[in-house]
Amino acid sequence: NAGASQNILSRLATGYIRLLARYGKQPAEKLVQMHTYDLSR
């Protein structure tokens, strides 16, 4: 559930950006992506 505990303003902003991206008004790349790495590597 990482990221699910965002505060209300963060959730609203994320939802708004996704809505704009869905209708081609703004690219979804504005959302910050999170990635993990392999510790062994």
PDB file of all heavy atoms in Angstrom:
ATOM      1  N   ASN A   1       0.813  -1.220   0.000  1.00  0.00           N
ATOM      2  CA  ASN A   1       0.000   0.000   0.000  1.00  0.00           C
ATOM      3  C   ASN A   1       0.844   1.266   0.000  1.00  0.00           C
ATOM      4  O   ASN A   1       0.386   2.320   0.405  1.00  0.00           O
ATOM      5  CB  ASN A   1      -0.944  -0.004   1.198  1.00  0.00           C
ATOM      6  CG  ASN A   1      -0.191   0.015   2.512  1.00  0.00           C
ATOM      7  OD1 ASN A   1       1.019  -0.193   2.551  1.00  0.00           O
ATOM      8  ND2 ASN A   1      -0.896   0.239   3.597  1.00  0.00           N
ATOM      9  N   ALA A   2       2.097   1.177  -0.451  1.00  0.00           N
ATOM     10  CA  ALA A   2       2.977   2.354  -0.447  1.00  0.00           C
ATOM     11  C   ALA A   2       2.349   3.471  -1.258  1.00  0.00           C
ATOM     12  O   ALA A   2       1.850   3.265  -2.348  1.00  0.00           O
ATOM     13  CB  ALA A   2       4.343   2.002  -1.014  1.00  0.00           C
ATOM     14  N   GLY A   3       2.364   4.645  -0.709  1.00  0.00           N
ATOM     15  CA  GLY A   3       1.788   5.806  -1.377  1.00  0.00           C
ATOM     16  C   GLY A   3       0.321   6.003  -1.049  1.00  0.00           C
ATOM     17  O   GLY A   3      -0.222   7.066  -1.257  1.00  0.00           O
ATOM     18  N   ALA A   4      -0.313   4.972  -0.507  1.00  0.00           N
ATOM     19  CA  ALA A   4      -1.737   5.086  -0.198  1.00  0.00           C
ATOM     20  C   ALA A   4      -1.996   5.982   0.999  1.00  0.00           C
ATOM     21  O   ALA A   4      -3.107   6.447   1.194  1.00  0.00           O
ATOM     22  CB  ALA A   4      -2.321   3.696   0.069  1.00  0.00           C
ATOM     23  N   SER A   5      -0.973   6.217   1.794  1.00  0.00           N
ATOM     24  CA  SER A   5      -1.153   7.022   3.003  1.00  0.00           C
ATOM     25  C   SER A   5      -0.888   8.503   2.764  1.00  0.00           C
ATOM     26  O   SER A   5      -0.632   9.240   3.699  1.00  0.00           O
ATOM     27  CB  SER A   5      -0.222   6.491   4.097  1.00  0.00           C
ATOM     28  OG  SER A   5       1.116   6.625   3.687  1.00  0.00           O
ATOM     29  N   GLN A   6      -0.951   8.951   1.525  1.00  0.00           N
ATOM     30  CA  GLN A   6      -0.744  10.367   1.235  1.00  0.00           C
ATOM     31  C   GLN A   6      -1.808  11.204   1.942  1.00  0.00           C
ATOM     32  O   GLN A   6      -2.910  10.744   2.186  1.00  0.00           O
ATOM     33  CB  GLN A   6      -0.868  10.632  -0.262  1.00  0.00           C
ATOM     34  CG  GLN A   6       0.172   9.981  -1.110  1.00  0.00           C
ATOM     35  CD  GLN A   6      -0.123  10.218  -2.586  1.00  0.00           C
ATOM     36  OE1 GLN A   6      -1.267  10.461  -2.968  1.00  0.00           O
ATOM     37  NE2 GLN A   6       0.898  10.141  -3.403  1.00  0.00           N
ATOM     38  N   ASN A   7      -1.469  12.446   2.195  1.00  0.00           N
ATOM     39  CA  ASN A   7      -2.476  13.313   2.791  1.00  0.00           C
ATOM     40  C   ASN A   7      -3.521  13.681   1.740  1.00  0.00           C
ATOM     41  O   ASN A   7      -3.348  13.428   0.553  1.00  0.00           O
ATOM     42  CB  ASN A   7      -1.830  14.560   3.428  1.00  0.00           C
ATOM     43  CG  ASN A   7      -1.179  15.465   2.403  1.00  0.00           C
ATOM     44  OD1 ASN A   7      -1.701  15.673   1.313  1.00  0.00           O
ATOM     45  ND2 ASN A   7      -0.028  16.021   2.772  1.00  0.00           N
ATOM     46  N   ILE A   8      -4.595  14.294   2.162  1.00  0.00           N
ATOM     47  CA  ILE A   8      -5.727  14.583   1.281  1.00  0.00           C
ATOM     48  C   ILE A   8      -5.334  15.487   0.115  1.00  0.00           C
ATOM     49  O   ILE A   8      -5.770  15.272  -1.018  1.00  0.00           O
ATOM     50  CB  ILE A   8      -6.928  15.177   2.075  1.00  0.00           C
ATOM     51  CG1 ILE A   8      -8.155  15.317   1.187  1.00  0.00           C
ATOM     52  CG2 ILE A   8      -6.564  16.505   2.691  1.00  0.00           C
ATOM     53  CD1 ILE A   8      -8.806  14.037   0.809  1.00  0.00           C
ATOM     54  N   LEU A   9      -4.486  16.477   0.347  1.00  0.00           N
ATOM     55  CA  LEU A   9      -4.069  17.373  -0.742  1.00  0.00           C
ATOM     56  C   LEU A   9      -3.256  16.624  -1.790  1.00  0.00           C
ATOM     57  O   LEU A   9      -3.428  16.846  -2.991  1.00  0.00           O
ATOM     58  CB  LEU A   9      -3.278  18.555  -0.188  1.00  0.00           C
ATOM     59  CG  LEU A   9      -4.086  19.566   0.627  1.00  0.00           C
ATOM     60  CD1 LEU A   9      -3.165  20.630   1.205  1.00  0.00           C
ATOM     61  CD2 LEU A   9      -5.167  20.195  -0.221  1.00  0.00           C
ATOM     62  N   SER A  10      -2.369  15.741  -1.355  1.00  0.00           N
ATOM     63  CA  SER A  10      -1.571  14.950  -2.303  1.00  0.00           C
ATOM     64  C   SER A  10      -2.464  14.043  -3.136  1.00  0.00           C
ATOM     65  O   SER A  10      -2.272  13.907  -4.343  1.00  0.00           O
ATOM     66  CB  SER A  10      -0.539  14.098  -1.565  1.00  0.00           C
ATOM     67  OG  SER A  10       0.405  14.911  -0.931  1.00  0.00           O
ATOM     68  N   ARG A  11      -3.450  13.417  -2.494  1.00  0.00           N
ATOM     69  CA  ARG A  11      -4.364  12.519  -3.231  1.00  0.00           C
ATOM     70  C   ARG A  11      -5.191  13.313  -4.243  1.00  0.00           C
ATOM     71  O   ARG A  11      -5.422  12.861  -5.356  1.00  0.00           O
ATOM     72  CB  ARG A  11      -5.259  11.762  -2.259  1.00  0.00           C
ATOM     73  CG  ARG A  11      -4.522  10.661  -1.508  1.00  0.00           C
ATOM     74  CD  ARG A  11      -5.455   9.685  -0.837  1.00  0.00           C
ATOM     75  NE  ARG A  11      -6.465  10.304  -0.011  1.00  0.00           N
ATOM     76  CZ  ARG A  11      -6.389  10.400   1.320  1.00  0.00           C
ATOM     77  NH1 ARG A  11      -5.353   9.930   1.962  1.00  0.00           N
ATOM     78  NH2 ARG A  11      -7.357  10.968   1.996  1.00  0.00           N
ATOM     79  N   LEU A  12      -5.650  14.510  -3.847  1.00  0.00           N
ATOM     80  CA  LEU A  12      -6.426  15.338  -4.768  1.00  0.00           C
ATOM     81  C   LEU A  12      -5.584  15.789  -5.964  1.00  0.00           C
ATOM     82  O   LEU A  12      -6.045  15.740  -7.107  1.00  0.00           O
ATOM     83  CB  LEU A  12      -6.997  16.557  -4.040  1.00  0.00           C
ATOM     84  CG  LEU A  12      -8.170  16.293  -3.105  1.00  0.00           C
ATOM     85  CD1 LEU A  12      -8.492  17.542  -2.287  1.00  0.00           C
ATOM     86  CD2 LEU A  12      -9.391  15.835  -3.878  1.00  0.00           C
ATOM     87  N   ALA A  13      -4.356  16.219  -5.711  1.00  0.00           N
ATOM     88  CA  ALA A  13      -3.478  16.649  -6.799  1.00  0.00           C
ATOM     89  C   ALA A  13      -3.173  15.498  -7.747  1.00  0.00           C
ATOM     90  O   ALA A  13      -3.216  15.660  -8.970  1.00  0.00           O
ATOM     91  CB  ALA A  13      -2.183  17.222  -6.223  1.00  0.00           C
ATOM     92  N   THR A  14      -2.895  14.323  -7.198  1.00  0.00           N
ATOM     93  CA  THR A  14      -2.622  13.144  -8.028  1.00  0.00           C
ATOM     94  C   THR A  14      -3.840  12.791  -8.863  1.00  0.00           C
ATOM     95  O   THR A  14      -3.735  12.517 -10.068  1.00  0.00           O
ATOM     96  CB  THR A  14      -2.221  11.945  -7.139  1.00  0.00           C
ATOM     97  OG1 THR A  14      -1.036  12.285  -6.424  1.00  0.00           O
ATOM     98  CG2 THR A  14      -1.964  10.704  -7.963  1.00  0.00           C
ATOM     99  N   GLY A  15      -5.001  12.808  -8.257  1.00  0.00           N
ATOM    100  CA  GLY A  15      -6.234  12.508  -8.983  1.00  0.00           C
ATOM    101  C   GLY A  15      -6.501  13.505 -10.096  1.00  0.00           C
ATOM    102  O   GLY A  15      -6.919  13.132 -11.200  1.00  0.00           O
ATOM    103  N   TYR A  16      -6.238  14.773  -9.830  1.00  0.00           N
ATOM    104  CA  TYR A  16      -6.443  15.822 -10.825  1.00  0.00           C
ATOM    105  C   TYR A  16      -5.501  15.632 -12.022  1.00  0.00           C
ATOM    106  O   TYR A  16      -5.913  15.728 -13.179  1.00  0.00           O
ATOM    107  CB  TYR A  16      -6.239  17.198 -10.181  1.00  0.00           C
ATOM    108  CG  TYR A  16      -6.438  18.351 -11.129  1.00  0.00           C
ATOM    109  CD1 TYR A  16      -7.694  18.636 -11.658  1.00  0.00           C
ATOM    110  CD2 TYR A  16      -5.368  19.156 -11.495  1.00  0.00           C
ATOM    111  CE1 TYR A  16      -7.877  19.701 -12.534  1.00  0.00           C
ATOM    112  CE2 TYR A  16      -5.537  20.219 -12.364  1.00  0.00           C
ATOM    113  CZ  TYR A  16      -6.801  20.483 -12.888  1.00  0.00           C
ATOM    114  OH  TYR A  16      -6.973  21.521 -13.751  1.00  0.00           O
ATOM    115  N   ILE A  17      -4.227  15.352 -11.752  1.00  0.00           N
ATOM    116  CA  ILE A  17      -3.261  15.133 -12.836  1.00  0.00           C
ATOM    117  C   ILE A  17      -3.655  13.914 -13.669  1.00  0.00           C
ATOM    118  O   ILE A  17      -3.602  13.941 -14.894  1.00  0.00           O
ATOM    119  CB  ILE A  17      -1.831  14.991 -12.269  1.00  0.00           C
ATOM    120  CG1 ILE A  17      -1.368  16.334 -11.715  1.00  0.00           C
ATOM    121  CG2 ILE A  17      -0.863  14.487 -13.342  1.00  0.00           C
ATOM    122  CD1 ILE A  17      -0.092  16.277 -10.904  1.00  0.00           C
ATOM    123  N   ARG A  18      -4.099  12.856 -13.000  1.00  0.00           N
ATOM    124  CA  ARG A  18      -4.534  11.654 -13.738  1.00  0.00           C
ATOM    125  C   ARG A  18      -5.761  11.943 -14.597  1.00  0.00           C
ATOM    126  O   ARG A  18      -5.880  11.442 -15.714  1.00  0.00           O
ATOM    127  CB  ARG A  18      -4.810  10.518 -12.770  1.00  0.00           C
ATOM    128  CG  ARG A  18      -3.554   9.901 -12.219  1.00  0.00           C
ATOM    129  CD  ARG A  18      -3.825   8.657 -11.424  1.00  0.00           C
ATOM    130  NE  ARG A  18      -2.566   8.078 -11.012  1.00  0.00           N
ATOM    131  CZ  ARG A  18      -2.318   7.610  -9.806  1.00  0.00           C
ATOM    132  NH1 ARG A  18      -3.257   7.638  -8.878  1.00  0.00           N
ATOM    133  NH2 ARG A  18      -1.148   7.113  -9.514  1.00  0.00           N
ATOM    134  N   LEU A  19      -6.675  12.733 -14.069  1.00  0.00           N
ATOM    135  CA  LEU A  19      -7.869  13.100 -14.827  1.00  0.00           C
ATOM    136  C   LEU A  19      -7.494  13.900 -16.069  1.00  0.00           C
ATOM    137  O   LEU A  19      -7.999  13.632 -17.171  1.00  0.00           O
ATOM    138  CB  LEU A  19      -8.821  13.906 -13.933  1.00  0.00           C
ATOM    139  CG  LEU A  19     -10.142  14.334 -14.558  1.00  0.00           C
ATOM    140  CD1 LEU A  19     -11.007  13.100 -14.854  1.00  0.00           C
ATOM    141  CD2 LEU A  19     -10.886  15.278 -13.637  1.00  0.00           C
ATOM    142  N   LEU A  20      -6.615  14.884 -15.914  1.00  0.00           N
ATOM    143  CA  LEU A  20      -6.164  15.666 -17.058  1.00  0.00           C
ATOM    144  C   LEU A  20      -5.469  14.772 -18.096  1.00  0.00           C
ATOM    145  O   LEU A  20      -5.685  14.917 -19.298  1.00  0.00           O
ATOM    146  CB  LEU A  20      -5.213  16.776 -16.618  1.00  0.00           C
ATOM    147  CG  LEU A  20      -5.830  17.933 -15.832  1.00  0.00           C
ATOM    148  CD1 LEU A  20      -4.740  18.881 -15.346  1.00  0.00           C
ATOM    149  CD2 LEU A  20      -6.854  18.679 -16.661  1.00  0.00           C
ATOM    150  N   ALA A  21      -4.644  13.840 -17.623  1.00  0.00           N
ATOM    151  CA  ALA A  21      -3.927  12.948 -18.534  1.00  0.00           C
ATOM    152  C   ALA A  21      -4.901  12.045 -19.293  1.00  0.00           C
ATOM    153  O   ALA A  21      -4.710  11.765 -20.479  1.00  0.00           O
ATOM    154  CB  ALA A  21      -2.925  12.104 -17.757  1.00  0.00           C
ATOM    155  N   ARG A  22      -5.946  11.612 -18.627  1.00  0.00           N
ATOM    156  CA  ARG A  22      -6.930  10.725 -19.249  1.00  0.00           C
ATOM    157  C   ARG A  22      -7.583  11.399 -20.453  1.00  0.00           C
ATOM    158  O   ARG A  22      -7.887  10.767 -21.454  1.00  0.00           O
ATOM    159  CB  ARG A  22      -7.994  10.324 -18.234  1.00  0.00           C
ATOM    160  CG  ARG A  22      -8.999   9.316 -18.798  1.00  0.00           C
ATOM    161  CD  ARG A  22      -9.999   8.852 -17.744  1.00  0.00           C
ATOM    162  NE  ARG A  22      -9.299   8.185 -16.664  1.00  0.00           N
ATOM    163  CZ  ARG A  22      -9.611   8.315 -15.372  1.00  0.00           C
ATOM    164  NH1 ARG A  22     -10.598   9.094 -14.998  1.00  0.00           N
ATOM    165  NH2 ARG A  22      -8.933   7.673 -14.457  1.00  0.00           N
ATOM    166  N   TYR A  23      -7.780  12.698 -20.372  1.00  0.00           N
ATOM    167  CA  TYR A  23      -8.428  13.431 -21.451  1.00  0.00           C
ATOM    168  C   TYR A  23      -7.431  14.167 -22.345  1.00  0.00           C
ATOM    169  O   TYR A  23      -7.797  15.052 -23.106  1.00  0.00           O
ATOM    170  CB  TYR A  23      -9.479  14.392 -20.881  1.00  0.00           C
ATOM    171  CG  TYR A  23     -10.617  13.639 -20.251  1.00  0.00           C
ATOM    172  CD1 TYR A  23     -10.709  13.520 -18.876  1.00  0.00           C
ATOM    173  CD2 TYR A  23     -11.569  13.000 -21.050  1.00  0.00           C
ATOM    174  CE1 TYR A  23     -11.735  12.798 -18.293  1.00  0.00           C
ATOM    175  CE2 TYR A  23     -12.602  12.267 -20.471  1.00  0.00           C
ATOM    176  CZ  TYR A  23     -12.677  12.171 -19.096  1.00  0.00           C
ATOM    177  OH  TYR A  23     -13.687  11.439 -18.527  1.00  0.00           O
ATOM    178  N   GLY A  24      -6.139  13.803 -22.227  1.00  0.00           N
ATOM    179  CA  GLY A  24      -5.118  14.353 -23.105  1.00  0.00           C
ATOM    180  C   GLY A  24      -4.759  15.800 -22.858  1.00  0.00           C
ATOM    181  O   GLY A  24      -4.154  16.444 -23.701  1.00  0.00           O
ATOM    182  N   LYS A  25      -5.136  16.340 -21.714  1.00  0.00           N
ATOM    183  CA  LYS A  25      -4.860  17.747 -21.419  1.00  0.00           C
ATOM    184  C   LYS A  25      -3.465  17.977 -20.836  1.00  0.00           C
ATOM    185  O   LYS A  25      -2.917  19.048 -20.941  1.00  0.00           O
ATOM    186  CB  LYS A  25      -5.890  18.303 -20.433  1.00  0.00           C
ATOM    187  CG  LYS A  25      -7.317  18.157 -20.905  1.00  0.00           C
ATOM    188  CD  LYS A  25      -7.594  19.108 -22.027  1.00  0.00           C
ATOM    189  CE  LYS A  25      -9.066  19.011 -22.429  1.00  0.00           C
ATOM    190  NZ  LYS A  25      -9.370  19.715 -23.632  1.00  0.00           N
ATOM    191  N   GLN A  26      -2.924  16.966 -20.201  1.00  0.00           N
ATOM    192  CA  GLN A  26      -1.622  17.112 -19.560  1.00  0.00           C
ATOM    193  C   GLN A  26      -1.003  15.718 -19.445  1.00  0.00           C
ATOM    194  O   GLN A  26      -1.699  14.759 -19.126  1.00  0.00           O
ATOM    195  CB  GLN A  26      -1.796  17.728 -18.170  1.00  0.00           C
ATOM    196  CG  GLN A  26      -0.517  18.158 -17.519  1.00  0.00           C
ATOM    197  CD  GLN A  26      -0.806  18.974 -16.270  1.00  0.00           C
ATOM    198  OE1 GLN A  26      -1.910  19.023 -15.759  1.00  0.00           O
ATOM    199  NE2 GLN A  26       0.221  19.607 -15.760  1.00  0.00           N
ATOM    200  N   PRO A  27       0.293  15.577 -19.709  1.00  0.00           N
ATOM    201  CA  PRO A  27       0.902  14.243 -19.627  1.00  0.00           C
ATOM    202  C   PRO A  27       0.966  13.723 -18.198  1.00  0.00           C
ATOM    203  O   PRO A  27       1.180  14.489 -17.254  1.00  0.00           O
ATOM    204  CB  PRO A  27       2.309  14.463 -20.194  1.00  0.00           C
ATOM    205  CG  PRO A  27       2.579  15.914 -20.030  1.00  0.00           C
ATOM    206  CD  PRO A  27       1.237  16.607 -20.103  1.00  0.00           C
ATOM    207  N   ALA A  28       0.769  12.423 -18.054  1.00  0.00           N
ATOM    208  CA  ALA A  28       0.811  11.795 -16.728  1.00  0.00           C
ATOM    209  C   ALA A  28       2.227  11.746 -16.170  1.00  0.00           C
ATOM    210  O   ALA A  28       2.410  11.434 -15.006  1.00  0.00           O
ATOM    211  CB  ALA A  28       0.229  10.387 -16.798  1.00  0.00           C
ATOM    212  N   GLU A  29       3.233  12.081 -16.985  1.00  0.00           N
ATOM    213  CA  GLU A  29       4.612  12.069 -16.507  1.00  0.00           C
ATOM    214  C   GLU A  29       4.837  13.056 -15.374  1.00  0.00           C
ATOM    215  O   GLU A  29       5.848  13.024 -14.703  1.00  0.00           O
ATOM    216  CB  GLU A  29       5.602  12.379 -17.641  1.00  0.00           C
ATOM    217  CG  GLU A  29       5.730  11.274 -18.658  1.00  0.00           C
ATOM    218  CD  GLU A  29       4.625  11.303 -19.701  1.00  0.00           C
ATOM    219  OE1 GLU A  29       4.127  12.392 -20.035  1.00  0.00           O
ATOM    220  OE2 GLU A  29       4.240  10.222 -20.163  1.00  0.00           O
ATOM    221  N   LYS A  30       3.895  13.958 -15.188  1.00  0.00           N
ATOM    222  CA  LYS A  30       4.029  14.916 -14.086  1.00  0.00           C
ATOM    223  C   LYS A  30       3.979  14.210 -12.736  1.00  0.00           C
ATOM    224  O   LYS A  30       4.403  14.760 -11.736  1.00  0.00           O
ATOM    225  CB  LYS A  30       2.926  15.966 -14.168  1.00  0.00           C
ATOM    226  CG  LYS A  30       3.074  16.861 -15.367  1.00  0.00           C
ATOM    227  CD  LYS A  30       2.906  18.271 -14.962  1.00  0.00           C
ATOM    228  CE  LYS A  30       3.137  19.143 -16.174  1.00  0.00           C
ATOM    229  NZ  LYS A  30       3.808  20.348 -15.823  1.00  0.00           N
ATOM    230  N   LEU A  31       3.430  12.987 -12.712  1.00  0.00           N
ATOM    231  CA  LEU A  31       3.397  12.220 -11.469  1.00  0.00           C
ATOM    232  C   LEU A  31       4.806  11.688 -11.202  1.00  0.00           C
ATOM    233  O   LEU A  31       5.478  11.198 -12.090  1.00  0.00           O
ATOM    234  CB  LEU A  31       2.424  11.048 -11.570  1.00  0.00           C
ATOM    235  CG  LEU A  31       0.962  11.430 -11.766  1.00  0.00           C
ATOM    236  CD1 LEU A  31       0.120  10.196 -12.030  1.00  0.00           C
ATOM    237  CD2 LEU A  31       0.435  12.169 -10.556  1.00  0.00           C
ATOM    238  N   VAL A  32       5.250  11.790  -9.976  1.00  0.00           N
ATOM    239  CA  VAL A  32       6.576  11.306  -9.610  1.00  0.00           C
ATOM    240  C   VAL A  32       6.526   9.780  -9.514  1.00  0.00           C
ATOM    241  O   VAL A  32       5.706   9.223  -8.788  1.00  0.00           O
ATOM    242  CB  VAL A  32       7.030  11.914  -8.265  1.00  0.00           C
ATOM    243  CG1 VAL A  32       8.359  11.331  -7.836  1.00  0.00           C
ATOM    244  CG2 VAL A  32       7.105  13.418  -8.371  1.00  0.00           C
ATOM    245  N   GLN A  33       7.391   9.140 -10.259  1.00  0.00           N
ATOM    246  CA  GLN A  33       7.444   7.684 -10.234  1.00  0.00           C
ATOM    247  C   GLN A  33       8.459   7.229  -9.195  1.00  0.00           C
ATOM    248  O   GLN A  33       9.477   7.874  -8.983  1.00  0.00           O
ATOM    249  CB  GLN A  33       7.835   7.150 -11.604  1.00  0.00           C
ATOM    250  CG  GLN A  33       6.812   7.474 -12.667  1.00  0.00           C
ATOM    251  CD  GLN A  33       7.228   6.935 -14.030  1.00  0.00           C
ATOM    252  OE1 GLN A  33       8.261   6.310 -14.186  1.00  0.00           O
ATOM    253  NE2 GLN A  33       6.399   7.177 -15.019  1.00  0.00           N
ATOM    254  N   MET A  34       8.171   6.102  -8.565  1.00  0.00           N
ATOM    255  CA  MET A  34       9.072   5.522  -7.577  1.00  0.00           C
ATOM    256  C   MET A  34       9.506   4.151  -8.073  1.00  0.00           C
ATOM    257  O   MET A  34       8.689   3.386  -8.573  1.00  0.00           O
ATOM    258  CB  MET A  34       8.367   5.393  -6.228  1.00  0.00           C
ATOM    259  CG  MET A  34       8.002   6.709  -5.587  1.00  0.00           C
ATOM    260  SD  MET A  34       9.424   7.633  -5.000  1.00  0.00           S
ATOM    261  CE  MET A  34       9.845   6.706  -3.543  1.00  0.00           C
ATOM    262  N   HIS A  35      10.787   3.865  -7.937  1.00  0.00           N
ATOM    263  CA  HIS A  35      11.338   2.593  -8.381  1.00  0.00           C
ATOM    264  C   HIS A  35      12.191   1.998  -7.274  1.00  0.00           C
ATOM    265  O   HIS A  35      12.750   2.720  -6.456  1.00  0.00           O
ATOM    266  CB  HIS A  35      12.211   2.788  -9.626  1.00  0.00           C
ATOM    267  CG  HIS A  35      11.486   3.444 -10.752  1.00  0.00           C
ATOM    268  ND1 HIS A  35      10.588   2.776 -11.549  1.00  0.00           N
ATOM    269  CD2 HIS A  35      11.494   4.720 -11.194  1.00  0.00           C
ATOM    270  CE1 HIS A  35      10.097   3.607 -12.448  1.00  0.00           C
ATOM    271  NE2 HIS A  35      10.628   4.804 -12.253  1.00  0.00           N
ATOM    272  N   THR A  36      12.294   0.679  -7.271  1.00  0.00           N
ATOM    273  CA  THR A  36      13.150  -0.009  -6.316  1.00  0.00           C
ATOM    274  C   THR A  36      14.288  -0.691  -7.058  1.00  0.00           C
ATOM    275  O   THR A  36      14.201  -0.958  -8.256  1.00  0.00           O
ATOM    276  CB  THR A  36      12.353  -1.048  -5.505  1.00  0.00           C
ATOM    277  OG1 THR A  36      11.772  -1.993  -6.399  1.00  0.00           O
ATOM    278  CG2 THR A  36      11.269  -0.383  -4.674  1.00  0.00           C
ATOM    279  N   TYR A  37      15.354  -0.976  -6.326  1.00  0.00           N
ATOM    280  CA  TYR A  37      16.542  -1.594  -6.876  1.00  0.00           C
ATOM    281  C   TYR A  37      16.846  -2.895  -6.139  1.00  0.00           C
ATOM    282  O   TYR A  37      16.455  -3.065  -4.988  1.00  0.00           O
ATOM    283  CB  TYR A  37      17.739  -0.638  -6.757  1.00  0.00           C
ATOM    284  CG  TYR A  37      17.646   0.517  -7.722  1.00  0.00           C
ATOM    285  CD1 TYR A  37      16.836   1.614  -7.460  1.00  0.00           C
ATOM    286  CD2 TYR A  37      18.355   0.500  -8.914  1.00  0.00           C
ATOM    287  CE1 TYR A  37      16.726   2.662  -8.357  1.00  0.00           C
ATOM    288  CE2 TYR A  37      18.257   1.544  -9.825  1.00  0.00           C
ATOM    289  CZ  TYR A  37      17.444   2.618  -9.540  1.00  0.00           C
ATOM    290  OH  TYR A  37      17.332   3.637 -10.435  1.00  0.00           O
ATOM    291  N   ASP A  38      17.555  -3.773  -6.802  1.00  0.00           N
ATOM    292  CA  ASP A  38      17.959  -5.056  -6.226  1.00  0.00           C
ATOM    293  C   ASP A  38      19.254  -4.844  -5.436  1.00  0.00           C
ATOM    294  O   ASP A  38      20.293  -4.514  -6.021  1.00  0.00           O
ATOM    295  CB  ASP A  38      18.164  -6.063  -7.365  1.00  0.00           C
ATOM    296  CG  ASP A  38      18.647  -7.415  -6.894  1.00  0.00           C
ATOM    297  OD1 ASP A  38      18.805  -7.631  -5.678  1.00  0.00           O
ATOM    298  OD2 ASP A  38      18.878  -8.277  -7.769  1.00  0.00           O
ATOM    299  N   LEU A  39      19.182  -5.031  -4.122  1.00  0.00           N
ATOM    300  CA  LEU A  39      20.337  -4.801  -3.260  1.00  0.00           C
ATOM    301  C   LEU A  39      21.513  -5.684  -3.666  1.00  0.00           C
ATOM    302  O   LEU A  39      22.663  -5.233  -3.690  1.00  0.00           O
ATOM    303  CB  LEU A  39      19.977  -5.036  -1.790  1.00  0.00           C
ATOM    304  CG  LEU A  39      21.116  -4.907  -0.781  1.00  0.00           C
ATOM    305  CD1 LEU A  39      21.739  -3.524  -0.830  1.00  0.00           C
ATOM    306  CD2 LEU A  39      20.622  -5.220   0.622  1.00  0.00           C
ATOM    307  N   SER A  40      21.269  -6.930  -4.029  1.00  0.00           N
ATOM    308  CA  SER A  40      22.355  -7.826  -4.433  1.00  0.00           C
ATOM    309  C   SER A  40      23.090  -7.289  -5.656  1.00  0.00           C
ATOM    310  O   SER A  40      24.319  -7.343  -5.734  1.00  0.00           O
ATOM    311  CB  SER A  40      21.815  -9.224  -4.748  1.00  0.00           C
ATOM    312  OG  SER A  40      21.290  -9.808  -3.598  1.00  0.00           O
ATOM    313  N   ARG A  41      22.337  -6.777  -6.601  1.00  0.00           N
ATOM    314  CA  ARG A  41      22.952  -6.237  -7.817  1.00  0.00           C
ATOM    315  C   ARG A  41      23.780  -4.992  -7.509  1.00  0.00           C
ATOM    316  O   ARG A  41      24.877  -4.814  -8.039  1.00  0.00           O
ATOM    317  CB  ARG A  41      21.866  -5.929  -8.843  1.00  0.00           C
ATOM    318  CG  ARG A  41      22.404  -5.536 -10.192  1.00  0.00           C
ATOM    319  CD  ARG A  41      21.309  -5.506 -11.227  1.00  0.00           C
ATOM    320  NE  ARG A  41      21.815  -4.993 -12.494  1.00  0.00           N
ATOM    321  CZ  ARG A  41      21.058  -4.810 -13.563  1.00  0.00           C
ATOM    322  NH1 ARG A  41      19.768  -5.117 -13.519  1.00  0.00           N
ATOM    323  NH2 ARG A  41      21.579  -4.331 -14.673  1.00  0.00           N
TER     324      ARG A  41
END
